[in-house]
Amino acid sequence: MNQTHSDKVQNEALRSEMREQITGIVVAGGRSRRMGTDKSFVTLADEPMVKRAVRLLEPYCKRIVIVTNALEATKALGWPDHVKVVSDDIPFQGPLGGLSTGAQHAETPWIFVRAVDMPWLAPNLIDMMYQRALDKKSDVVIPLSDRGNEPLCALYSRAAVMKWVQRVLDTGRRRVIAFFQYVRVDAIPQEEIRKLDPNEDSFLNINHPDQLVEIDTELKNGDCVMPSEKTSQKAKEKERGKDGGAFESKQLGRIHIETEMASGEVTSGEVALGSGEESLRPSLREPKPSLAGNAIKVLHQKPGSTRLPTEKPFTIYLNDIEISTVQATESHLDDMALGFLVSEGLLSDRNLLKSVDIDKKHGLIYVESDEVVPSKLIHKTSKRYVTSGCGKGVTFSSIDDVAAFERVKEELYIEPSDLHEWIKKMTDISESYKTSGGSHSSAIVIDGELKVVREDVGRHNAVDKVIGNAWRKGLDMRKAILLCTGRLSYEITAKSARQHIPLIASRSAATDLSVSIAQEVGITLAGYVKATQIVVYTHPERIVGGERY
C-alpha cells in the first residue's frame, strides 16, 4: 500500500520526536569467548563493529552511549559529540549490568539497547517499538523471535531500569528478563516483527570468525542496513537443512559417502569394497553379515544440532536460596522448577507465586514466592545435586515422609483401551523423542483429555514439568492420571503421592519400592502399557475389569 503524504509527514514527525526521547545504548562489554578477541574492534568492511553499531542507531537516537570494558581503546577510535563512551560500572555482570550502566548515563525517558555484535537493523523497527510503548504505556518493548525474547534489541523506560535493575543485580541475577516481573512488558509477536524483518536478521549475533566472511564481503560491495537473501541467517539455515548435523551414509558393497561439514559444504563419492582403498578401516573392507541390515549411518554432531537429546545442569533457587542442581533438557524449565519445588513440599500456594526467572546461559532458575517455607525443609533440600540418570536421590522425601502423606481415596475408573490411547497420543506429541529417541515423556490426563505433555532427558524431570504446569494452572490433581515413558521408580510415586494423583501408568516397569509405596498410599500403579497388555501392580479397582482381582 502506497504511503500517503499525510502518513509520511506523520511518520517524520514521530521520528523527529523519537530521536529526542531515546538514547541508544551499545553494550560492548562482553568477554567474546567464542570470537577469541574483543568484538568491538573486529572490522566489517574496514569499519570496527562498534562504529557500525553506533551508525545503525544514529537515525533513531540523537544521543548514543557505548558501555565497554575497554574504555581507552574505544575512546581512541574517535567519536562525535553525541556519542559518549563509558566504562561498565561493574564489569562482567552480563547484559543487565550494561543496561544499568547505560541508563545511568542517559538523559532521555527511553533507552534502546543494542549489542555491539548485531550487524543488521531493520528500518522502522525502533519506530514501531516506540509507537507501541506510547500506545500500550509499557515500560519494556521487546521483540520475540525464533530464539525467544531479544533483550539486546529492545526499548526500555529509563525510569524503570533505574528503579529495578540494580535491586535485581544485588540478588546475583544477571539475566535482563530478571527485572521484567516488576514492570509492564510488551512482547511483540513474531508475526509483527516479520512484517519489517521477515528473516529476523536484526537479532543475528556474530559469535564466530567464520560468520564474518560473508557479511564483510556484502558490506564491501555496498553499505546496507539489512542483508541480501543470500547472506540472511534464514537463507543459510535453509541451505544447511533442518537436521543441523553433518552425516555420512554408507551402504556396504559399494560405499556411498555423503558428508556435510560444519561450513555447510557437502562432498560425496563412492568407493567399492575390496578396491584396495587403504583409507578404509579393515572392518569396512571386509564386512560381515549383520541382522541389522547393510546400512550404516555415522552422525557427526555440530553446534546447534537437535539430533541428539540435550542436557545441562540448572541450579534452582527459591527466594534466592539455593535448593538443588538438576541435570535437565532446556525446555519448559519454569514448569520443571515449579514441579520440583511443589513435589518436595517447598511450594503449595500458587496464589503466592511471584515469578520464575530463567538464565539458560548460566544454568540458573530463580523462583520467587511470598509463601513462607519452613526452614527445616529448606535445609533438608539445600545444595543437593540431582542427575538425569537412573540412580537414586531424585527426591528429598524419605520413605517415612511418604508414609505420612494423606491417603489417596479418590474414585476414578478408566477403560484399559483409554490408557493405551492416551499413551499413544503422548508419544505422538513428543517431538524430541521422535527426533532423538533419547528423551522421556510425561503427561497429565484429566476427564479423558491430555492437559499437558512435557519431555526431558530425565524421566523425573519430565514428571516435574507436567506437575509444575498443572499446579500453575490450578488443575485438580485428585482427578488426574500421570503418564510416563520411563521406569516407575520410588521418586515418581513419591512426587505423585504428594499431589494426590490416584493413577500412574507407564510403558515401562515399576520397582519394588515404588509398588510398596503405591500400595501403602492408595495409588493405582500400572506398567508395561503396550499394545496387548497392562500390568497393574496396585489398587486395580480403578481400571475397568481389574476390580475382579
Protein backbone atom coordinates (compact mmCIF):
# COMPACT_ATOMS: atom_id res chain seq x y z
CA MET A 1 0.00 0.00 0.00
CA ASN A 2 1.39 3.39 -1.00
CA GLN A 3 2.09 5.79 1.81
CA THR A 4 0.01 8.97 1.64
CA HIS A 5 1.56 12.40 2.03
CA SER A 6 -0.13 12.89 5.43
CA ASP A 7 1.13 9.49 6.65
CA LYS A 8 4.65 10.39 5.56
CA VAL A 9 4.52 13.72 7.38
CA GLN A 10 3.15 12.00 10.48
CA ASN A 11 5.91 9.37 10.41
CA GLU A 12 8.59 12.01 10.00
CA ALA A 13 7.15 13.93 12.96
CA LEU A 14 7.16 10.75 15.07
CA ARG A 15 10.78 10.02 14.06
CA SER A 16 11.82 13.55 14.98
CA GLU A 17 10.12 13.28 18.37
CA MET A 18 11.55 9.81 18.92
CA ARG A 19 15.15 10.92 18.32
CA GLU A 20 14.79 13.42 21.17
CA GLN A 21 13.23 10.84 23.51
CA ILE A 22 15.53 7.84 23.03
CA THR A 23 19.19 7.31 23.91
CA GLY A 24 20.86 4.46 22.07
CA ILE A 25 22.88 2.14 24.30
CA VAL A 26 25.54 -0.04 22.66
CA VAL A 27 26.50 -2.85 25.02
CA ALA A 28 30.12 -3.69 24.20
CA GLY A 29 31.30 -5.23 27.43
CA GLY A 30 31.11 -8.96 26.68
CA ARG A 31 34.05 -11.31 27.06
CA SER A 32 33.87 -12.57 23.44
CA ARG A 33 34.99 -16.06 24.42
CA ARG A 34 33.86 -17.70 21.18
CA MET A 35 35.26 -15.00 18.93
CA GLY A 36 38.60 -15.06 20.74
CA THR A 37 39.02 -11.28 20.61
CA ASP A 38 37.04 -8.18 21.58
CA LYS A 39 34.26 -7.98 19.00
CA SER A 40 34.04 -4.20 19.29
CA PHE A 41 37.24 -3.85 17.28
CA VAL A 42 36.64 -6.61 14.74
CA THR A 43 36.11 -4.94 11.37
CA LEU A 44 33.33 -5.31 8.81
CA ALA A 45 34.16 -3.59 5.53
CA ASP A 46 37.14 -1.96 7.29
CA GLU A 47 34.87 -0.49 9.99
CA PRO A 48 35.04 -1.66 13.64
CA MET A 49 31.83 -3.33 14.72
CA VAL A 50 31.31 -0.78 17.49
CA LYS A 51 31.38 2.00 14.87
CA ARG A 52 28.78 0.17 12.78
CA ALA A 53 26.59 -0.41 15.84
CA VAL A 54 26.57 3.33 16.54
CA ARG A 55 25.93 4.22 12.90
CA LEU A 56 22.89 1.92 12.75
CA LEU A 57 21.36 3.72 15.75
CA GLU A 58 22.03 7.30 14.65
CA PRO A 59 18.86 7.72 12.51
CA TYR A 60 16.74 6.84 15.56
CA CYS A 61 18.68 8.24 18.55
CA LYS A 62 20.13 11.73 18.85
CA ARG A 63 22.43 10.61 21.66
CA ILE A 64 24.29 7.30 21.98
CA VAL A 65 26.16 5.74 24.92
CA ILE A 66 28.73 2.96 24.45
CA VAL A 67 29.18 0.77 27.55
CA THR A 68 32.52 -1.02 27.39
CA ASN A 69 35.21 -2.72 29.44
CA ALA A 70 37.88 -1.36 27.06
CA LEU A 71 37.37 2.33 27.78
CA GLU A 72 40.60 3.85 26.47
CA ALA A 73 40.80 1.67 23.36
CA THR A 74 37.19 2.51 22.47
CA LYS A 75 37.68 6.23 23.04
CA ALA A 76 40.76 6.13 20.81
CA LEU A 77 38.56 5.33 17.80
CA GLY A 78 37.34 8.94 17.84
CA TRP A 79 33.70 9.90 18.29
CA PRO A 80 31.44 12.90 17.61
CA ASP A 81 29.95 14.88 20.49
CA HIS A 82 26.65 12.99 20.52
CA VAL A 83 28.43 9.69 21.30
CA LYS A 84 29.56 9.06 24.88
CA VAL A 85 31.92 6.22 25.81
CA VAL A 86 31.63 4.99 29.40
CA SER A 87 33.14 2.19 31.44
CA ASP A 88 30.93 -0.66 32.62
CA ASP A 89 30.37 0.18 36.32
CA ILE A 90 30.58 -3.45 37.39
CA PRO A 91 32.42 -5.43 34.67
CA PHE A 92 31.24 -8.86 33.58
CA GLN A 93 27.76 -8.58 35.08
CA GLY A 94 26.30 -9.53 31.75
CA PRO A 95 23.80 -7.53 29.66
CA LEU A 96 21.87 -6.49 32.76
CA GLY A 97 24.95 -4.72 34.11
CA GLY A 98 25.44 -2.95 30.79
CA LEU A 99 21.78 -1.92 30.78
CA SER A 100 22.13 -0.45 34.27
CA THR A 101 25.28 1.49 33.39
CA GLY A 102 23.81 2.82 30.14
CA ALA A 103 20.67 4.04 31.91
CA GLN A 104 22.73 5.97 34.43
CA HIS A 105 24.46 7.91 31.64
CA ALA A 106 21.32 8.53 29.56
CA GLU A 107 19.24 11.68 29.94
CA THR A 108 16.15 10.73 27.93
CA PRO A 109 12.95 8.95 29.06
CA TRP A 110 13.71 5.94 26.86
CA ILE A 111 16.77 3.87 26.04
CA PHE A 112 17.17 1.47 23.16
CA VAL A 113 19.71 -1.26 23.91
CA ARG A 114 21.72 -2.90 21.19
CA ALA A 115 24.52 -5.49 21.33
CA VAL A 116 27.74 -4.48 19.62
CA ASP A 117 27.86 -7.71 17.59
CA MET A 118 24.50 -7.31 15.83
CA PRO A 119 25.36 -6.21 12.26
CA TRP A 120 21.82 -5.67 10.92
CA LEU A 121 18.88 -3.49 11.95
CA ALA A 122 15.59 -3.47 10.08
CA PRO A 123 14.39 0.02 9.09
CA ASN A 124 11.45 1.27 11.18
CA LEU A 125 11.86 -1.47 13.80
CA ILE A 126 12.67 1.07 16.53
CA ASP A 127 9.86 3.34 15.29
CA MET A 128 7.39 0.51 15.78
CA MET A 129 8.69 -0.20 19.30
CA TYR A 130 8.43 3.46 20.30
CA GLN A 131 4.88 3.75 18.98
CA ARG A 132 3.88 0.59 20.87
CA ALA A 133 5.43 1.95 24.06
CA LEU A 134 3.29 5.07 23.75
CA ASP A 135 0.13 3.21 22.81
CA LYS A 136 0.38 0.49 25.45
CA LYS A 137 2.06 2.56 28.17
CA SER A 138 4.71 -0.12 28.56
CA ASP A 139 8.00 0.02 30.45
CA VAL A 140 9.69 -2.50 28.16
CA VAL A 141 9.03 -3.27 24.49
CA ILE A 142 10.85 -6.45 23.46
CA PRO A 143 10.70 -8.45 20.19
CA LEU A 144 10.04 -12.17 20.08
CA SER A 145 12.00 -14.28 17.59
CA ASP A 146 12.74 -17.92 16.89
CA ARG A 147 15.29 -17.74 19.72
CA GLY A 148 12.77 -16.38 22.22
CA ASN A 149 12.85 -12.84 23.57
CA GLU A 150 15.52 -10.40 22.33
CA PRO A 151 16.56 -8.20 25.29
CA LEU A 152 19.55 -6.75 23.41
CA CYS A 153 17.39 -5.27 20.69
CA ALA A 154 14.71 -3.75 22.90
CA LEU A 155 13.29 -0.46 24.17
CA TYR A 156 13.30 0.32 27.91
CA SER A 157 11.89 3.03 30.14
CA ARG A 158 14.91 4.62 31.80
CA ALA A 159 12.91 5.21 35.00
CA ALA A 160 12.00 1.51 35.25
CA VAL A 161 15.61 0.44 34.69
CA MET A 162 16.90 2.91 37.28
CA LYS A 163 14.33 1.72 39.83
CA TRP A 164 14.63 -2.04 39.48
CA VAL A 165 17.76 -3.29 37.73
CA GLN A 166 20.28 -2.64 40.50
CA ARG A 167 18.00 -4.35 43.00
CA VAL A 168 17.95 -7.44 40.78
CA LEU A 169 21.74 -7.33 40.30
CA ASP A 170 22.17 -7.20 44.07
CA THR A 171 20.49 -10.62 44.30
CA GLY A 172 23.11 -12.12 41.96
CA ARG A 173 20.90 -12.36 38.90
CA ARG A 174 22.32 -11.11 35.59
CA ARG A 175 19.66 -12.01 33.05
CA VAL A 176 17.87 -8.98 31.60
CA ILE A 177 14.45 -10.59 31.99
CA ALA A 178 15.05 -10.89 35.74
CA PHE A 179 13.51 -7.46 36.31
CA PHE A 180 10.54 -7.93 33.97
CA GLN A 181 8.33 -9.17 36.82
CA TYR A 182 8.35 -5.67 38.29
CA VAL A 183 7.43 -3.70 35.14
CA ARG A 184 4.93 -3.58 32.27
CA VAL A 185 6.29 -5.57 29.35
CA ASP A 186 5.03 -5.56 25.77
CA ALA A 187 6.35 -8.58 23.88
CA ILE A 188 5.98 -8.02 20.14
CA PRO A 189 4.69 -11.18 18.40
CA GLN A 190 6.84 -12.71 15.69
CA GLU A 191 4.21 -12.06 13.00
CA GLU A 192 4.53 -8.33 13.68
CA ILE A 193 8.32 -8.44 13.66
CA ARG A 194 8.39 -10.35 10.38
CA LYS A 195 6.42 -7.63 8.61
CA LEU A 196 9.55 -5.50 8.95
CA ASP A 197 12.21 -8.21 9.20
CA PRO A 198 10.98 -11.42 7.52
CA ASN A 199 14.12 -13.41 8.36
CA GLU A 200 14.74 -11.91 11.81
CA ASP A 201 18.20 -10.75 10.77
CA SER A 202 18.07 -7.84 13.22
CA PHE A 203 18.74 -10.34 16.01
CA LEU A 204 21.73 -12.10 14.46
CA ASN A 205 24.81 -12.11 16.71
CA ILE A 206 28.31 -12.61 15.32
CA ASN A 207 29.96 -15.12 17.63
CA HIS A 208 32.44 -16.95 15.40
CA PRO A 209 35.08 -15.72 12.93
CA ASP A 210 33.57 -17.79 10.10
CA GLN A 211 30.40 -15.67 10.28
CA LEU A 212 32.37 -12.57 9.35
CA VAL A 213 33.39 -13.53 5.82
CA GLU A 214 30.04 -13.28 4.00
CA ILE A 215 28.93 -10.19 5.93
CA ASP A 216 32.24 -8.47 5.30
CA THR A 217 32.06 -9.27 1.58
CA GLU A 218 28.49 -8.00 1.28
CA LEU A 219 29.25 -4.73 3.05
CA LYS A 220 32.32 -4.14 0.90
CA ASN A 221 30.12 -4.46 -2.18
CA GLY A 222 27.85 -1.69 -0.88
CA ASP A 223 26.87 -0.42 2.53
CA CYS A 224 23.46 -1.68 3.69
CA VAL A 225 21.50 -2.00 6.91
CA MET A 226 19.96 -5.39 6.05
CA PRO A 227 21.48 -8.42 4.31
CA SER A 228 20.65 -9.89 0.95
CA GLU A 229 18.70 -13.11 0.88
CA LYS A 230 21.94 -14.98 0.24
CA THR A 231 23.55 -13.68 3.40
CA SER A 232 20.40 -13.83 5.52
CA GLN A 233 20.63 -16.14 8.51
CA LYS A 234 17.39 -17.83 7.42
CA ALA A 235 18.75 -18.49 3.95
CA LYS A 236 21.76 -20.20 5.50
CA GLU A 237 19.53 -22.40 7.60
CA LYS A 238 17.60 -23.47 4.52
CA GLU A 239 20.81 -24.37 2.73
CA ARG A 240 22.01 -26.45 5.69
CA GLY A 241 18.72 -28.25 6.10
CA LYS A 242 16.67 -28.80 9.23
CA ASP A 243 18.67 -31.56 10.89
CA GLY A 244 21.63 -29.32 11.64
CA GLY A 245 24.01 -32.26 11.70
CA ALA A 246 26.67 -33.40 9.29
CA PHE A 247 26.29 -37.02 8.33
CA GLU A 248 27.83 -39.87 6.41
CA SER A 249 25.58 -42.52 4.95
CA LYS A 250 27.33 -45.74 3.93
CA GLN A 251 25.88 -48.74 2.12
CA LEU A 252 28.09 -51.79 2.22
CA GLY A 253 29.01 -53.35 -1.12
CA ARG A 254 29.79 -50.06 -2.77
CA ILE A 255 30.06 -47.34 -0.15
CA HIS A 256 28.39 -44.07 -0.99
CA ILE A 257 29.75 -41.36 1.30
CA GLU A 258 28.00 -38.03 1.63
CA THR A 259 29.39 -35.63 4.22
CA GLU A 260 28.03 -32.25 5.24
CA MET A 261 30.69 -30.23 7.05
CA ALA A 262 30.12 -27.53 9.66
CA SER A 263 30.71 -24.90 6.97
CA GLY A 264 27.72 -26.22 5.04
CA GLU A 265 29.81 -27.71 2.21
CA VAL A 266 28.67 -31.14 1.03
CA THR A 267 31.04 -33.65 -0.53
CA SER A 268 30.17 -37.07 -1.91
CA GLY A 269 31.74 -40.05 -3.62
CA GLU A 270 31.71 -43.83 -3.94
CA VAL A 271 34.26 -46.48 -3.01
CA ALA A 272 33.88 -50.15 -3.98
CA LEU A 273 34.58 -52.64 -1.23
CA GLY A 274 37.70 -54.67 -1.84
CA SER A 275 39.12 -51.96 -4.14
CA GLY A 276 42.27 -51.68 -2.05
CA GLU A 277 41.43 -48.27 -0.60
CA GLU A 278 43.79 -48.10 2.34
CA SER A 279 41.85 -45.23 3.90
CA LEU A 280 39.02 -47.60 4.83
CA ARG A 281 39.09 -49.47 8.11
CA PRO A 282 39.52 -53.26 7.91
CA SER A 283 36.02 -53.71 9.33
CA LEU A 284 34.60 -51.90 6.31
CA ARG A 285 36.90 -53.56 3.76
CA GLU A 286 35.79 -56.98 5.00
CA PRO A 287 32.16 -56.58 6.06
CA LYS A 288 30.42 -59.37 7.90
CA PRO A 289 26.71 -60.15 7.59
CA SER A 290 24.53 -58.36 10.10
CA LEU A 291 20.97 -58.91 11.23
CA ALA A 292 20.59 -55.14 11.28
CA GLY A 293 20.97 -54.92 7.52
CA ASN A 294 23.71 -53.39 5.41
CA ALA A 295 23.30 -49.68 6.07
CA ILE A 296 25.43 -47.65 8.46
CA LYS A 297 24.82 -44.02 9.34
CA VAL A 298 27.57 -42.11 11.11
CA LEU A 299 26.46 -38.89 12.78
CA HIS A 300 28.90 -36.02 13.29
CA GLN A 301 27.37 -33.68 15.80
CA LYS A 302 27.94 -29.97 15.28
CA PRO A 303 26.84 -26.86 17.19
CA GLY A 304 23.12 -26.20 17.09
CA SER A 305 22.14 -29.72 16.09
CA THR A 306 18.95 -31.15 17.53
CA ARG A 307 19.68 -34.71 16.50
CA LEU A 308 20.80 -35.78 19.99
CA PRO A 309 18.94 -35.29 23.27
CA THR A 310 20.45 -32.43 25.24
CA GLU A 311 21.10 -31.93 28.94
CA LYS A 312 22.65 -29.21 31.08
CA PRO A 313 22.88 -28.53 34.82
CA PHE A 314 20.39 -25.98 36.17
CA THR A 315 20.51 -24.72 39.74
CA ILE A 316 17.12 -23.94 41.28
CA TYR A 317 16.82 -21.06 43.74
CA LEU A 318 13.78 -20.34 45.88
CA ASN A 319 13.68 -16.76 47.18
CA ASP A 320 17.43 -16.52 46.47
CA ILE A 321 18.20 -19.67 48.50
CA GLU A 322 19.98 -22.39 46.53
CA ILE A 323 17.89 -25.55 46.61
CA SER A 324 19.32 -28.06 44.16
CA THR A 325 21.08 -28.57 40.84
CA VAL A 326 19.22 -30.66 38.29
CA GLN A 327 20.58 -32.09 35.05
CA ALA A 328 17.82 -31.34 32.55
CA THR A 329 16.77 -30.55 28.99
CA GLU A 330 16.42 -26.84 28.12
CA SER A 331 12.65 -26.81 27.60
CA HIS A 332 9.85 -25.74 29.95
CA LEU A 333 12.36 -25.11 32.72
CA ASP A 334 9.84 -22.94 34.58
CA ASP A 335 7.46 -25.90 34.78
CA MET A 336 10.29 -28.18 35.92
CA ALA A 337 11.44 -25.84 38.70
CA LEU A 338 7.89 -25.34 39.97
CA GLY A 339 7.13 -29.05 39.74
CA PHE A 340 10.30 -29.91 41.64
CA LEU A 341 9.56 -27.41 44.41
CA VAL A 342 5.91 -28.46 44.64
CA SER A 343 6.86 -32.15 44.68
CA GLU A 344 9.31 -31.52 47.51
CA GLY A 345 6.75 -29.61 49.55
CA LEU A 346 8.53 -26.27 49.26
CA LEU A 347 5.63 -24.63 47.43
CA SER A 348 1.91 -25.21 47.85
CA ASP A 349 0.03 -21.93 47.30
CA ARG A 350 0.16 -20.85 43.65
CA ASN A 351 -1.59 -17.57 44.51
CA LEU A 352 1.56 -16.51 46.37
CA LEU A 353 3.89 -17.33 43.47
CA LYS A 354 5.56 -14.14 42.23
CA SER A 355 7.86 -15.12 39.39
CA VAL A 356 10.08 -17.68 37.69
CA ASP A 357 13.21 -16.25 36.06
CA ILE A 358 15.38 -18.48 33.88
CA ASP A 359 19.00 -17.78 32.94
CA LYS A 360 19.76 -20.55 30.45
CA LYS A 361 23.23 -19.24 29.65
CA HIS A 362 24.44 -19.59 33.22
CA GLY A 363 22.18 -22.51 34.20
CA LEU A 364 20.17 -20.66 36.84
CA ILE A 365 16.45 -20.75 37.70
CA TYR A 366 15.11 -18.23 40.21
CA VAL A 367 11.68 -18.82 41.75
CA GLU A 368 10.16 -16.16 43.98
CA SER A 369 7.13 -16.65 46.21
CA ASP A 370 5.52 -14.87 49.14
CA GLU A 371 4.85 -18.27 50.67
CA VAL A 372 6.63 -18.89 53.97
CA VAL A 373 8.68 -22.08 53.62
CA PRO A 374 9.71 -23.85 56.85
CA SER A 375 13.46 -23.53 57.33
CA LYS A 376 13.79 -27.23 58.08
CA LEU A 377 12.52 -28.02 54.56
CA ILE A 378 14.96 -25.55 53.01
CA HIS A 379 17.82 -27.08 54.98
CA LYS A 380 16.71 -30.57 54.01
CA THR A 381 16.79 -29.91 50.28
CA SER A 382 19.58 -27.31 50.09
CA LYS A 383 22.54 -27.77 47.77
CA ARG A 384 21.95 -31.31 46.59
CA TYR A 385 22.84 -32.48 43.08
CA VAL A 386 20.23 -34.40 41.08
CA THR A 387 21.29 -36.32 37.98
CA SER A 388 19.23 -37.01 34.88
CA GLY A 389 20.11 -40.69 35.03
CA CYS A 390 18.52 -43.68 36.66
CA GLY A 391 20.19 -43.58 40.07
CA LYS A 392 18.74 -42.73 43.45
CA GLY A 393 18.48 -39.30 45.06
CA VAL A 394 15.94 -37.63 42.80
CA THR A 395 13.58 -36.78 45.63
CA PHE A 396 14.24 -35.50 49.13
CA SER A 397 11.15 -37.19 50.55
CA SER A 398 12.14 -40.16 52.68
CA ILE A 399 10.08 -43.33 52.96
CA ASP A 400 8.83 -42.09 56.32
CA ASP A 401 7.79 -38.79 54.71
CA VAL A 402 5.76 -40.57 52.02
CA ALA A 403 4.20 -42.95 54.53
CA ALA A 404 2.85 -39.90 56.36
CA PHE A 405 1.14 -38.47 53.27
CA GLU A 406 -2.65 -38.30 53.16
CA ARG A 407 -4.10 -41.45 51.64
CA VAL A 408 -5.35 -41.23 48.06
CA LYS A 409 -9.00 -42.27 48.19
CA GLU A 410 -10.41 -40.72 45.01
CA GLU A 411 -12.76 -42.90 42.98
CA LEU A 412 -11.54 -42.99 39.42
CA TYR A 413 -12.45 -45.54 36.75
CA ILE A 414 -10.86 -45.90 33.32
CA GLU A 415 -11.07 -48.33 30.42
CA PRO A 416 -7.84 -50.18 29.52
CA SER A 417 -8.33 -49.07 25.91
CA ASP A 418 -8.30 -45.43 27.03
CA LEU A 419 -4.98 -45.93 28.77
CA HIS A 420 -3.48 -47.35 25.56
CA GLU A 421 -4.87 -44.43 23.57
CA TRP A 422 -3.54 -41.78 25.95
CA ILE A 423 -0.06 -43.32 25.98
CA LYS A 424 -0.10 -43.34 22.17
CA LYS A 425 -1.21 -39.69 21.99
CA MET A 426 1.51 -38.68 24.43
CA THR A 427 4.12 -40.43 22.30
CA ASP A 428 2.81 -38.83 19.10
CA ILE A 429 3.05 -35.35 20.62
CA SER A 430 6.59 -35.94 21.94
CA GLU A 431 8.70 -34.31 19.22
CA SER A 432 12.04 -34.68 20.97
CA TYR A 433 11.52 -38.40 21.43
CA LYS A 434 10.65 -38.81 17.77
CA THR A 435 13.71 -36.88 16.55
CA SER A 436 16.34 -38.06 19.04
CA GLY A 437 14.93 -41.21 20.62
CA GLY A 438 16.68 -40.32 23.86
CA SER A 439 14.07 -38.33 25.77
CA HIS A 440 11.38 -39.27 28.26
CA SER A 441 7.82 -38.01 28.12
CA SER A 442 5.20 -37.41 30.76
CA ALA A 443 1.59 -36.23 30.59
CA ILE A 444 -1.40 -35.35 32.75
CA VAL A 445 -4.84 -36.63 31.77
CA ILE A 446 -7.99 -35.20 33.37
CA ASP A 447 -11.53 -36.09 32.30
CA GLY A 448 -10.18 -38.10 29.40
CA GLU A 449 -8.13 -35.23 27.94
CA LEU A 450 -4.37 -34.77 27.76
CA LYS A 451 -3.98 -31.45 29.57
CA VAL A 452 -0.20 -31.15 29.35
CA VAL A 453 2.69 -33.10 27.79
CA ARG A 454 6.35 -32.45 28.58
CA GLU A 455 9.70 -34.03 27.66
CA ASP A 456 13.14 -34.21 29.22
CA VAL A 457 16.26 -36.33 29.14
CA GLY A 458 15.44 -37.25 32.75
CA ARG A 459 12.20 -39.11 33.43
CA HIS A 460 11.73 -37.47 36.84
CA ASN A 461 12.31 -34.04 35.24
CA ALA A 462 9.56 -34.77 32.73
CA VAL A 463 7.24 -35.62 35.62
CA ASP A 464 8.24 -32.42 37.44
CA LYS A 465 7.45 -30.43 34.30
CA VAL A 466 3.89 -31.72 33.99
CA ILE A 467 3.27 -31.38 37.72
CA GLY A 468 4.62 -27.81 37.66
CA ASN A 469 2.47 -26.84 34.70
CA ALA A 470 -0.63 -28.43 36.19
CA TRP A 471 -0.01 -26.75 39.56
CA ARG A 472 0.38 -23.34 37.97
CA LYS A 473 -2.86 -23.83 36.00
CA GLY A 474 -4.70 -24.94 39.12
CA LEU A 475 -5.69 -28.34 37.70
CA ASP A 476 -7.35 -30.74 40.11
CA MET A 477 -4.68 -33.43 40.56
CA ARG A 478 -7.06 -35.59 42.58
CA LYS A 479 -8.75 -36.38 39.27
CA ALA A 480 -5.51 -36.75 37.31
CA ILE A 481 -3.78 -39.65 35.63
CA LEU A 482 0.00 -39.36 35.32
CA LEU A 483 1.53 -40.94 32.21
CA CYS A 484 5.25 -41.71 31.87
CA THR A 485 7.58 -43.41 29.44
CA GLY A 486 10.27 -44.38 31.94
CA ARG A 487 10.60 -46.78 34.82
CA LEU A 488 8.19 -46.18 37.70
CA SER A 489 10.70 -45.87 40.50
CA TYR A 490 10.22 -44.69 44.06
CA GLU A 491 10.63 -40.96 43.41
CA ILE A 492 7.94 -40.90 40.70
CA THR A 493 5.43 -42.41 43.10
CA ALA A 494 6.55 -40.07 45.89
CA LYS A 495 6.01 -36.99 43.71
CA SER A 496 2.57 -38.26 42.71
CA ALA A 497 1.58 -39.15 46.27
CA ARG A 498 2.21 -35.59 47.46
CA GLN A 499 -0.14 -34.34 44.70
CA HIS A 500 -2.81 -36.99 45.49
CA ILE A 501 -2.67 -38.36 41.93
CA PRO A 502 -4.74 -41.58 42.01
CA LEU A 503 -3.28 -43.40 38.97
CA ILE A 504 0.16 -43.63 37.37
CA ALA A 505 0.84 -45.51 34.13
CA SER A 506 3.98 -46.13 32.12
CA ARG A 507 5.20 -48.10 29.14
CA SER A 508 7.95 -49.42 31.42
CA ALA A 509 8.16 -51.41 34.66
CA ALA A 510 7.80 -50.43 38.32
CA THR A 511 10.32 -51.04 41.08
CA ASP A 512 9.52 -52.97 44.24
CA LEU A 513 9.83 -49.90 46.46
CA SER A 514 7.57 -47.91 44.16
CA VAL A 515 4.96 -50.67 44.32
CA SER A 516 5.22 -50.81 48.10
CA ILE A 517 4.68 -47.06 48.45
CA ALA A 518 1.81 -47.01 45.93
CA GLN A 519 0.05 -49.81 47.79
CA GLU A 520 0.51 -48.00 51.10
CA VAL A 521 -0.76 -44.58 49.99
CA GLY A 522 -3.57 -45.83 47.73
CA ILE A 523 -2.22 -45.15 44.22
CA THR A 524 -3.00 -47.38 41.25
CA LEU A 525 0.28 -48.26 39.57
CA ALA A 526 0.17 -49.64 36.01
CA GLY A 527 3.22 -50.61 33.94
CA TYR A 528 4.05 -52.18 30.60
CA VAL A 529 1.18 -50.33 28.93
CA LYS A 530 1.71 -51.68 25.45
CA ALA A 531 -0.38 -52.85 22.53
CA THR A 532 -1.71 -56.05 24.09
CA GLN A 533 -1.23 -55.73 27.83
CA ILE A 534 -1.29 -53.69 31.03
CA VAL A 535 0.41 -54.88 34.19
CA VAL A 536 -1.41 -53.46 37.23
CA TYR A 537 0.73 -53.60 40.38
CA THR A 538 -1.53 -51.96 42.95
CA HIS A 539 -5.16 -51.00 43.51
CA PRO A 540 -6.52 -52.48 40.26
CA GLU A 541 -10.10 -51.47 41.12
CA ARG A 542 -9.67 -48.14 39.28
CA ILE A 543 -9.22 -49.94 35.94
CA VAL A 544 -12.39 -51.47 34.50
CA GLY A 545 -12.03 -55.25 34.66
CA GLY A 546 -9.31 -55.02 37.28
CA GLU A 547 -11.79 -54.89 40.15
CA ARG A 548 -12.24 -58.67 39.78
CA TYR A 549 -8.71 -59.08 41.10
